[in-house]
N, C-alpha and C. Protein backbone atom coordinates (compact mmCIF):
# COMPACT_ATOMS: atom_id res chain seq x y z
N UNK A 1 36.83 239.46 96.56
CA UNK A 1 37.47 240.01 94.44
C UNK A 1 38.59 240.96 94.16
N UNK A 2 39.08 240.67 93.15
CA UNK A 2 40.10 241.89 93.17
C UNK A 2 39.20 242.60 91.88
N UNK A 3 41.07 243.71 92.23
CA UNK A 3 40.26 245.09 92.16
C UNK A 3 40.52 244.44 90.79
N UNK A 4 41.31 243.65 89.92
CA UNK A 4 41.28 243.37 88.81
C UNK A 4 39.81 243.44 87.88
N UNK A 5 39.10 242.08 88.30
CA UNK A 5 38.29 241.05 89.02
C UNK A 5 36.58 242.10 88.82
N UNK A 6 37.06 243.53 89.13
CA UNK A 6 35.55 244.48 89.52
C UNK A 6 36.22 245.12 88.72
N UNK A 7 36.80 245.83 87.71
CA UNK A 7 37.52 246.75 87.03
C UNK A 7 37.28 247.79 87.67
N UNK A 8 38.52 247.95 88.30
CA UNK A 8 38.62 249.04 89.42
C UNK A 8 39.68 249.45 88.73
N UNK A 9 39.37 250.76 88.27
CA UNK A 9 40.08 251.80 87.97
C UNK A 9 41.86 252.24 88.11
N UNK A 10 42.04 250.93 86.73
CA UNK A 10 43.87 252.27 87.58
C UNK A 10 44.49 253.02 86.78
N UNK A 11 44.86 253.84 87.52
CA UNK A 11 45.53 255.19 86.79
C UNK A 11 46.57 255.14 86.49
N UNK A 12 47.28 254.10 85.91
CA UNK A 12 48.34 253.31 85.19
C UNK A 12 49.59 254.55 85.19
N UNK A 13 49.70 254.83 86.29
CA UNK A 13 51.33 255.27 86.97
C UNK A 13 51.82 254.51 88.39
N UNK A 14 52.71 254.40 88.07
CA UNK A 14 53.64 253.89 89.10
C UNK A 14 54.23 254.56 89.92
N UNK A 15 53.80 254.79 90.96
CA UNK A 15 53.93 255.91 92.46
C UNK A 15 55.39 255.59 92.65
N UNK A 16 55.98 255.07 92.28
CA UNK A 16 57.48 253.58 92.91
C UNK A 16 58.09 253.68 91.53
N UNK A 17 57.48 254.53 90.85
CA UNK A 17 58.71 255.18 89.50
C UNK A 17 59.19 256.03 89.87
N UNK A 18 60.27 256.86 88.52
CA UNK A 18 61.38 258.02 89.48
C UNK A 18 62.28 257.30 90.74
N UNK A 19 63.22 258.36 90.78
CA UNK A 19 63.97 259.23 91.72
C UNK A 19 63.70 258.69 92.63
N UNK A 20 64.74 257.93 93.79
CA UNK A 20 64.56 257.03 95.45
C UNK A 20 64.08 258.06 96.55
N UNK A 21 63.74 258.67 97.52
CA UNK A 21 63.71 259.95 98.47
C UNK A 21 65.75 259.88 99.46
N UNK A 22 66.13 258.27 99.56
CA UNK A 22 67.15 257.91 99.86
C UNK A 22 68.21 258.99 99.57
N UNK A 23 69.25 258.61 100.08
CA UNK A 23 69.61 259.98 100.24
C UNK A 23 71.55 259.14 100.91
N UNK A 24 72.15 259.36 100.15
CA UNK A 24 73.89 258.64 100.25
C UNK A 24 73.71 259.07 101.61
N UNK A 25 74.37 260.54 101.91
CA UNK A 25 73.77 261.41 102.90
C UNK A 25 73.54 260.57 104.78
N UNK A 26 72.66 259.75 104.02
CA UNK A 26 72.06 259.09 105.12
C UNK A 26 71.64 257.85 105.37
N UNK A 27 72.50 257.31 104.58
CA UNK A 27 73.11 255.89 104.46
C UNK A 27 73.49 255.28 105.27
N UNK A 28 73.79 254.31 106.53
CA UNK A 28 74.56 254.15 107.82
C UNK A 28 76.27 253.07 106.72
N UNK A 29 76.25 253.03 105.38
CA UNK A 29 77.28 252.83 105.01
C UNK A 29 78.28 253.68 104.33
N UNK A 30 78.82 253.95 104.65
CA UNK A 30 79.71 254.42 103.44
C UNK A 30 80.30 253.73 102.49
N UNK A 31 79.90 254.83 100.90
CA UNK A 31 81.30 254.09 99.42
C UNK A 31 81.99 253.44 99.55
N UNK A 32 82.76 253.62 101.01
CA UNK A 32 84.40 253.45 101.00
C UNK A 32 84.03 251.55 101.64
N UNK A 33 82.39 251.89 102.60
CA UNK A 33 82.09 250.59 103.25
C UNK A 33 82.41 250.04 104.89
N UNK A 34 82.80 251.98 105.34
CA UNK A 34 83.53 252.26 106.95
C UNK A 34 81.63 251.94 107.02
N UNK A 35 81.82 252.46 108.51
CA UNK A 35 80.30 252.52 109.22
C UNK A 35 80.04 254.29 109.49
N UNK A 36 78.89 254.81 109.05
CA UNK A 36 78.58 256.29 109.38
C UNK A 36 79.20 255.95 111.19
N UNK A 37 79.50 256.71 111.07
CA UNK A 37 78.85 257.63 112.28
C UNK A 37 77.77 258.26 112.84
N UNK A 38 77.34 258.50 114.35
CA UNK A 38 76.32 259.53 114.80
C UNK A 38 75.35 259.11 114.60
N UNK A 39 74.69 257.80 114.87
CA UNK A 39 73.88 257.85 113.64
C UNK A 39 72.47 258.29 113.79
N UNK A 40 71.72 258.32 115.54
CA UNK A 40 70.85 259.46 116.33
C UNK A 40 71.36 260.97 115.19
N UNK A 41 72.75 261.30 114.85
CA UNK A 41 72.91 262.45 114.39
C UNK A 41 71.62 262.11 113.21
N UNK A 42 72.45 260.94 112.48
CA UNK A 42 71.62 260.99 110.51
C UNK A 42 70.47 260.54 110.59
N UNK A 43 69.83 259.30 111.96
CA UNK A 43 68.23 259.52 111.50
C UNK A 43 68.15 260.93 111.88
N UNK A 44 68.05 261.69 112.13
CA UNK A 44 67.15 262.29 113.18
C UNK A 44 66.84 263.30 111.86
N UNK A 45 68.28 264.59 111.12
CA UNK A 45 68.27 265.31 110.17
C UNK A 45 67.57 263.88 108.86
N UNK A 46 67.95 262.82 108.94
CA UNK A 46 66.94 262.17 107.84
C UNK A 46 65.10 261.99 107.65
N UNK A 47 64.94 262.24 108.78
CA UNK A 47 63.05 262.28 109.33
C UNK A 47 62.85 263.98 109.19
N UNK A 48 63.87 264.93 109.36
CA UNK A 48 63.08 266.31 109.19
C UNK A 48 64.08 267.10 108.24
N UNK A 49 64.10 266.64 107.37
CA UNK A 49 64.57 266.92 106.02
C UNK A 49 63.68 267.66 104.69
N UNK A 50 63.52 268.55 104.60
CA UNK A 50 62.65 268.65 103.94
C UNK A 50 62.78 268.61 102.20
N UNK A 51 61.68 268.11 102.19
CA UNK A 51 61.31 267.62 100.32
C UNK A 51 60.40 267.82 100.28
N UNK A 52 60.53 267.91 99.03
CA UNK A 52 59.31 268.51 97.63
C UNK A 52 58.85 266.32 97.74
N UNK A 53 57.34 266.49 98.14
CA UNK A 53 56.16 265.31 98.36
C UNK A 53 55.06 265.86 97.49
N UNK A 54 54.75 266.04 97.08
CA UNK A 54 53.97 266.37 95.85
C UNK A 54 53.32 266.23 94.85
N UNK A 55 54.37 265.88 94.17
CA UNK A 55 54.39 264.41 93.25
C UNK A 55 53.87 263.56 93.21
N UNK A 56 54.01 263.00 94.55
CA UNK A 56 53.08 261.87 94.81
C UNK A 56 51.77 261.76 95.30
N UNK A 57 51.42 262.99 95.59
CA UNK A 57 50.33 262.53 95.58
C UNK A 57 48.59 262.97 94.45
N UNK A 58 49.61 263.27 93.74
CA UNK A 58 48.89 263.73 92.37
C UNK A 58 48.01 262.76 91.43
C-alpha cells in the first residue's frame, strides 16, 4: 500500500528545491564546449569540497 493511502505524513517541502549543488567549476565541459582537462583532479575536488548540507536534514 502506498504512503498516500495510509495517510503517511507529508512534510510539504520538496528537498530538491533550491540551487543545485553542481558547480560549473566541476563540470566535464566548459561553457565554450571544450572538454575540461584533468578529470581526476576535478572529481577529487568535487568530492572533497566543503559544503553546507545542514539544510537538507531539517
